[in-house]
Amino acid sequence: MKSLEFEGKTIDEAINRACEEWHVSRDKLNIEIIADGTAGFFGILGKKQAKIRATLLSLAEPLDSPPAGTPTGPSKPAPARKKPAAPVEVETADNNTGLRYETDENTALLAKTVVEGILTRMSLDCPVTIRETADKIILNIEGNSSGLLIGRRGQNLDALQYVVNKAVHKTPNGRKMIVVDTESYRQRREETLTALAAKIGEKVKKTKKAVTLNYLNAHNRRIIHMALQDETGITTKSRGEGEYRKLIIVPVKKD
């Protein structure tokens, strides 16, 4: 008998495709599951399709007969399918609002678990350490993969930090911001931007002409703002929306 393989997001979807291929109901098919579908990490990393092998039963073959090539003998119960591991969640309920959110004492550990899970799926064996301040939880990724993790102007590191904050802070309850760092990149970047702000500030004072900086994310724009907030003769402004928002350093006209 002819067998064909089908894929789908789930086993049911793969079976439905087999039914459509032969224009029969599923009780007319012998189904062999090859692989279960997995949603992947955050629905993105490690995602796999479900896969089956379907054989069209002949009219003379009973529906409970084994597929061709299967040894005969006492039937054995099918092995129990392992349940997928439950995602790590440390939550508590707010009796007043009904919202659920992570507790303070477990936030850092939960964030560390999320980062380690992403690194594992990137095939990176990098230890993650925790440092906590009054307003931040800082996760430092150690190892020799800082270039890959940082990316161009820190874009990869920023993306990882965004995902971790979204995964851990499920509701806006004023929780500490989670900062993801590697090889002290955040500190080096802040020092570079502070020096750049001072240099451009002096240029604007001398030329009396505004200078528009290239794209900076919100955190980096704030570093420039803070570096120049006490400077006389100049001020900083932000213009535009979203990814097109830019920082402008402008001279202040004397009265």
Protein backbone atom coordinates (compact mmCIF):
# COMPACT_ATOMS: atom_id res chain seq x y z
CA MET A 1 0.00 0.00 0.00
CA LYS A 2 1.17 3.49 -0.74
CA SER A 3 2.39 5.56 2.20
CA LEU A 4 2.96 9.31 2.23
CA GLU A 5 4.42 11.65 4.80
CA PHE A 6 2.66 14.86 5.87
CA GLU A 7 3.66 17.79 8.05
CA GLY A 8 1.73 20.41 10.02
CA LYS A 9 1.94 22.66 13.04
CA THR A 10 0.21 19.89 15.02
CA ILE A 11 -0.46 16.17 14.61
CA ASP A 12 -4.13 16.91 13.84
CA GLU A 13 -3.20 19.37 11.11
CA ALA A 14 -0.87 16.81 9.48
CA ILE A 15 -3.64 14.15 9.64
CA ASN A 16 -6.14 16.56 8.07
CA ARG A 17 -3.74 17.12 5.19
CA ALA A 18 -3.52 13.35 4.67
CA CYS A 19 -7.32 13.13 4.62
CA GLU A 20 -7.52 15.91 2.04
CA GLU A 21 -4.87 14.24 -0.12
CA TRP A 22 -6.86 10.99 -0.39
CA HIS A 23 -10.34 12.49 0.06
CA VAL A 24 -11.19 10.12 2.90
CA SER A 25 -12.07 10.40 6.60
CA ARG A 26 -9.31 9.76 9.10
CA ASP A 27 -10.73 6.34 10.08
CA LYS A 28 -9.79 5.12 6.58
CA LEU A 29 -6.09 5.84 7.22
CA ASN A 30 -3.41 4.08 9.19
CA ILE A 31 -1.44 6.83 10.93
CA GLU A 32 2.15 6.55 12.18
CA ILE A 33 3.46 9.54 14.14
CA ILE A 34 7.04 10.37 13.17
CA ALA A 35 7.54 13.59 15.15
CA ASP A 36 5.46 15.76 17.45
CA GLY A 37 5.26 19.45 16.67
CA THR A 38 6.99 21.80 19.10
CA ALA A 39 6.19 25.51 19.43
CA GLY A 40 9.80 26.44 20.19
CA PHE A 41 11.15 28.95 22.67
CA PHE A 42 8.81 31.99 22.73
CA GLY A 43 7.28 30.49 19.59
CA ILE A 44 10.43 31.33 17.58
CA LEU A 45 13.61 29.41 18.42
CA GLY A 46 13.70 25.61 17.90
CA LYS A 47 10.25 25.46 16.29
CA LYS A 48 9.50 22.06 14.63
CA GLN A 49 6.67 20.78 12.46
CA ALA A 50 4.66 17.70 13.40
CA LYS A 51 5.21 14.84 10.95
CA ILE A 52 3.20 11.66 10.24
CA ARG A 53 3.24 8.75 7.79
CA ALA A 54 -0.21 7.88 6.47
CA THR A 55 -1.26 4.68 4.69
CA LEU A 56 -4.63 4.25 2.95
CA LEU A 57 -6.40 1.17 4.31
CA SER A 58 -7.75 -1.30 1.75
CA LEU A 59 -11.42 -2.31 1.83
CA ALA A 60 -10.51 -5.88 2.85
CA GLU A 61 -8.29 -4.83 5.75
CA PRO A 62 -9.86 -4.37 9.19
CA LEU A 63 -9.39 -0.97 10.69
CA ASP A 64 -7.49 -2.31 13.67
CA SER A 65 -4.99 -4.41 11.66
CA PRO A 66 -1.31 -3.48 12.00
CA PRO A 67 0.49 -1.73 9.14
CA ALA A 68 2.35 -3.80 6.59
CA GLY A 69 5.70 -5.11 7.82
CA THR A 70 4.69 -5.04 11.51
CA PRO A 71 5.55 -8.34 13.31
CA THR A 72 2.52 -10.23 14.59
CA GLY A 73 2.11 -11.34 18.21
CA PRO A 74 0.63 -10.12 21.43
CA SER A 75 -0.01 -6.43 21.21
CA LYS A 76 1.92 -4.17 23.54
CA PRO A 77 0.51 -1.01 25.00
CA ALA A 78 1.81 2.10 23.30
CA PRO A 79 4.44 3.90 25.41
CA ALA A 80 3.08 6.92 27.21
CA ARG A 81 3.97 10.13 25.43
CA LYS A 82 6.11 12.42 27.50
CA LYS A 83 4.50 15.68 28.40
CA PRO A 84 6.48 18.76 27.37
CA ALA A 85 8.25 20.45 30.23
CA ALA A 86 6.21 23.29 31.67
CA PRO A 87 7.69 26.76 31.20
CA VAL A 88 9.36 28.27 34.21
CA GLU A 89 6.95 30.68 35.84
CA VAL A 90 7.16 32.18 39.30
CA GLU A 91 3.99 34.14 39.85
CA THR A 92 1.68 35.44 42.51
CA ALA A 93 -1.85 36.78 42.33
CA ASP A 94 -2.88 40.30 43.24
CA ASN A 95 -6.09 39.87 45.25
CA ASN A 96 -7.25 43.36 44.40
CA THR A 97 -6.81 43.32 40.64
CA GLY A 98 -6.66 39.63 39.78
CA LEU A 99 -3.43 40.27 37.82
CA ARG A 100 -0.60 37.77 38.06
CA TYR A 101 3.04 38.79 38.11
CA GLU A 102 6.43 37.59 39.26
CA THR A 103 7.52 38.19 42.83
CA ASP A 104 10.47 40.47 43.61
CA GLU A 105 12.59 37.80 45.24
CA ASN A 106 12.32 35.48 42.22
CA THR A 107 12.52 37.99 39.36
CA ALA A 108 16.30 37.83 39.05
CA LEU A 109 16.37 34.02 39.01
CA LEU A 110 13.53 33.86 36.50
CA ALA A 111 15.28 36.36 34.22
CA LYS A 112 18.52 34.34 34.49
CA THR A 113 16.62 31.18 33.52
CA VAL A 114 15.15 32.91 30.45
CA VAL A 115 18.57 34.17 29.29
CA GLU A 116 20.18 30.77 29.81
CA GLY A 117 17.37 29.15 27.80
CA ILE A 118 17.95 31.51 24.87
CA LEU A 119 21.72 30.97 24.99
CA THR A 120 21.23 27.19 24.99
CA ARG A 121 19.08 27.43 21.87
CA MET A 122 21.82 29.54 20.27
CA SER A 123 24.31 26.74 21.09
CA LEU A 124 26.26 29.10 23.35
CA ASP A 125 27.72 27.73 26.57
CA CYS A 126 28.04 30.99 28.51
CA PRO A 127 27.65 31.38 32.29
CA VAL A 128 25.21 34.09 33.46
CA THR A 129 25.75 35.98 36.71
CA ILE A 130 23.35 38.28 38.58
CA ARG A 131 24.04 41.71 40.10
CA GLU A 132 21.20 43.71 41.62
CA THR A 133 20.98 47.43 42.40
CA ALA A 134 18.22 49.57 43.86
CA ASP A 135 16.48 49.94 40.48
CA LYS A 136 18.01 47.33 38.17
CA ILE A 137 18.70 43.63 37.82
CA ILE A 138 21.88 43.21 35.78
CA LEU A 139 22.54 39.88 34.07
CA ASN A 140 26.11 39.56 32.85
CA ILE A 141 26.86 36.96 30.18
CA GLU A 142 30.42 35.65 30.42
CA GLY A 143 32.39 33.83 27.74
CA ASN A 144 34.00 34.37 24.36
CA SER A 145 30.88 35.12 22.31
CA SER A 146 30.52 38.81 23.16
CA GLY A 147 30.84 39.91 19.52
CA LEU A 148 27.88 37.78 18.43
CA LEU A 149 25.81 38.75 21.44
CA ILE A 150 26.47 42.49 21.15
CA GLY A 151 25.96 42.89 17.40
CA ARG A 152 26.21 46.16 15.52
CA ARG A 153 26.02 49.04 18.01
CA GLY A 154 24.59 46.70 20.60
CA GLN A 155 21.48 45.80 18.58
CA ASN A 156 21.62 42.07 19.39
CA LEU A 157 22.12 42.74 23.09
CA ASP A 158 19.28 45.27 23.09
CA ALA A 159 16.98 42.74 21.37
CA LEU A 160 17.87 40.06 23.93
CA GLN A 161 17.24 42.50 26.77
CA TYR A 162 13.85 43.46 25.29
CA VAL A 163 12.76 39.82 25.02
CA VAL A 164 13.84 39.04 28.59
CA ASN A 165 11.99 42.06 30.03
CA LYS A 166 8.83 41.13 28.10
CA ALA A 167 9.05 37.49 29.19
CA VAL A 168 9.58 38.26 32.88
CA HIS A 169 7.57 41.45 33.38
CA LYS A 170 4.18 40.24 32.17
CA THR A 171 2.34 43.15 33.73
CA PRO A 172 3.47 46.76 34.30
CA ASN A 173 3.76 46.73 38.08
CA GLY A 174 6.74 49.04 38.46
CA ARG A 175 9.22 46.17 38.58
CA LYS A 176 12.97 46.63 38.28
CA MET A 177 14.34 46.93 34.77
CA ILE A 178 16.39 43.92 33.66
CA VAL A 179 19.68 44.87 32.00
CA VAL A 180 21.49 42.25 29.92
CA ASP A 181 25.23 42.90 29.56
CA THR A 182 28.39 41.13 28.41
CA GLU A 183 32.05 42.07 28.82
CA SER A 184 30.99 45.40 30.43
CA TYR A 185 29.63 46.59 27.07
CA ARG A 186 26.94 48.79 28.64
CA GLN A 187 29.50 50.76 30.67
CA ARG A 188 31.87 51.13 27.71
CA ARG A 189 29.00 52.29 25.50
CA GLU A 190 27.90 54.87 28.08
CA GLU A 191 31.44 56.24 28.34
CA THR A 192 31.67 56.48 24.55
CA LEU A 193 28.34 58.31 24.26
CA THR A 194 29.21 60.70 27.12
CA ALA A 195 32.47 61.62 25.39
CA LEU A 196 30.63 62.06 22.08
CA ALA A 197 28.05 64.32 23.73
CA ALA A 198 30.79 66.56 25.17
CA LYS A 199 32.56 66.80 21.82
CA ILE A 200 29.41 67.67 19.85
CA GLY A 201 28.27 70.06 22.58
CA GLU A 202 31.46 72.07 22.19
CA LYS A 203 31.03 72.11 18.42
CA VAL A 204 27.47 73.45 18.72
CA LYS A 205 28.63 76.19 21.10
CA LYS A 206 31.31 77.31 18.68
CA THR A 207 29.37 77.12 15.42
CA LYS A 208 25.98 78.17 16.85
CA LYS A 209 24.45 75.51 14.59
CA ALA A 210 22.33 72.55 15.62
CA VAL A 211 23.62 69.02 15.16
CA THR A 212 21.34 66.02 14.56
CA LEU A 213 22.65 62.66 15.74
CA ASN A 214 22.06 59.41 13.89
CA TYR A 215 19.53 56.90 15.22
CA LEU A 216 19.89 56.09 18.91
CA ASN A 217 17.57 53.96 21.00
CA ALA A 218 15.72 55.51 23.94
CA HIS A 219 18.34 54.46 26.50
CA ASN A 220 21.23 55.93 24.53
CA ARG A 221 19.31 59.17 23.86
CA ARG A 222 18.81 59.50 27.60
CA ILE A 223 22.57 59.15 28.16
CA ILE A 224 23.16 62.11 25.80
CA HIS A 225 20.40 64.14 27.45
CA MET A 226 21.86 63.52 30.92
CA ALA A 227 25.42 64.29 29.81
CA LEU A 228 24.42 67.72 28.47
CA GLN A 229 21.62 68.73 30.83
CA ASP A 230 23.84 71.06 32.88
CA GLU A 231 25.73 72.57 29.93
CA THR A 232 25.13 76.26 29.34
CA GLY A 233 24.52 77.60 25.85
CA ILE A 234 23.04 74.39 24.46
CA THR A 235 20.02 72.12 24.95
CA THR A 236 18.85 68.77 23.61
CA LYS A 237 15.60 67.88 21.90
CA SER A 238 14.07 64.74 20.43
CA ARG A 239 12.08 64.80 17.22
CA GLY A 240 10.25 62.17 15.20
CA GLU A 241 8.42 59.01 16.16
CA GLY A 242 9.41 55.43 16.81
CA GLU A 243 12.54 54.21 15.04
CA TYR A 244 12.82 57.56 13.22
CA ARG A 245 13.11 59.53 16.46
CA LYS A 246 16.35 61.51 16.51
CA LEU A 247 18.26 63.57 19.03
CA ILE A 248 19.16 67.18 18.19
CA ILE A 249 21.67 69.32 20.06
CA VAL A 250 20.79 72.96 19.53
CA PRO A 251 22.35 76.26 20.66
CA VAL A 252 20.40 78.38 23.11
CA LYS A 253 19.89 81.97 21.98
CA LYS A 254 20.84 84.59 24.53
CA ASP A 255 18.20 87.16 25.38
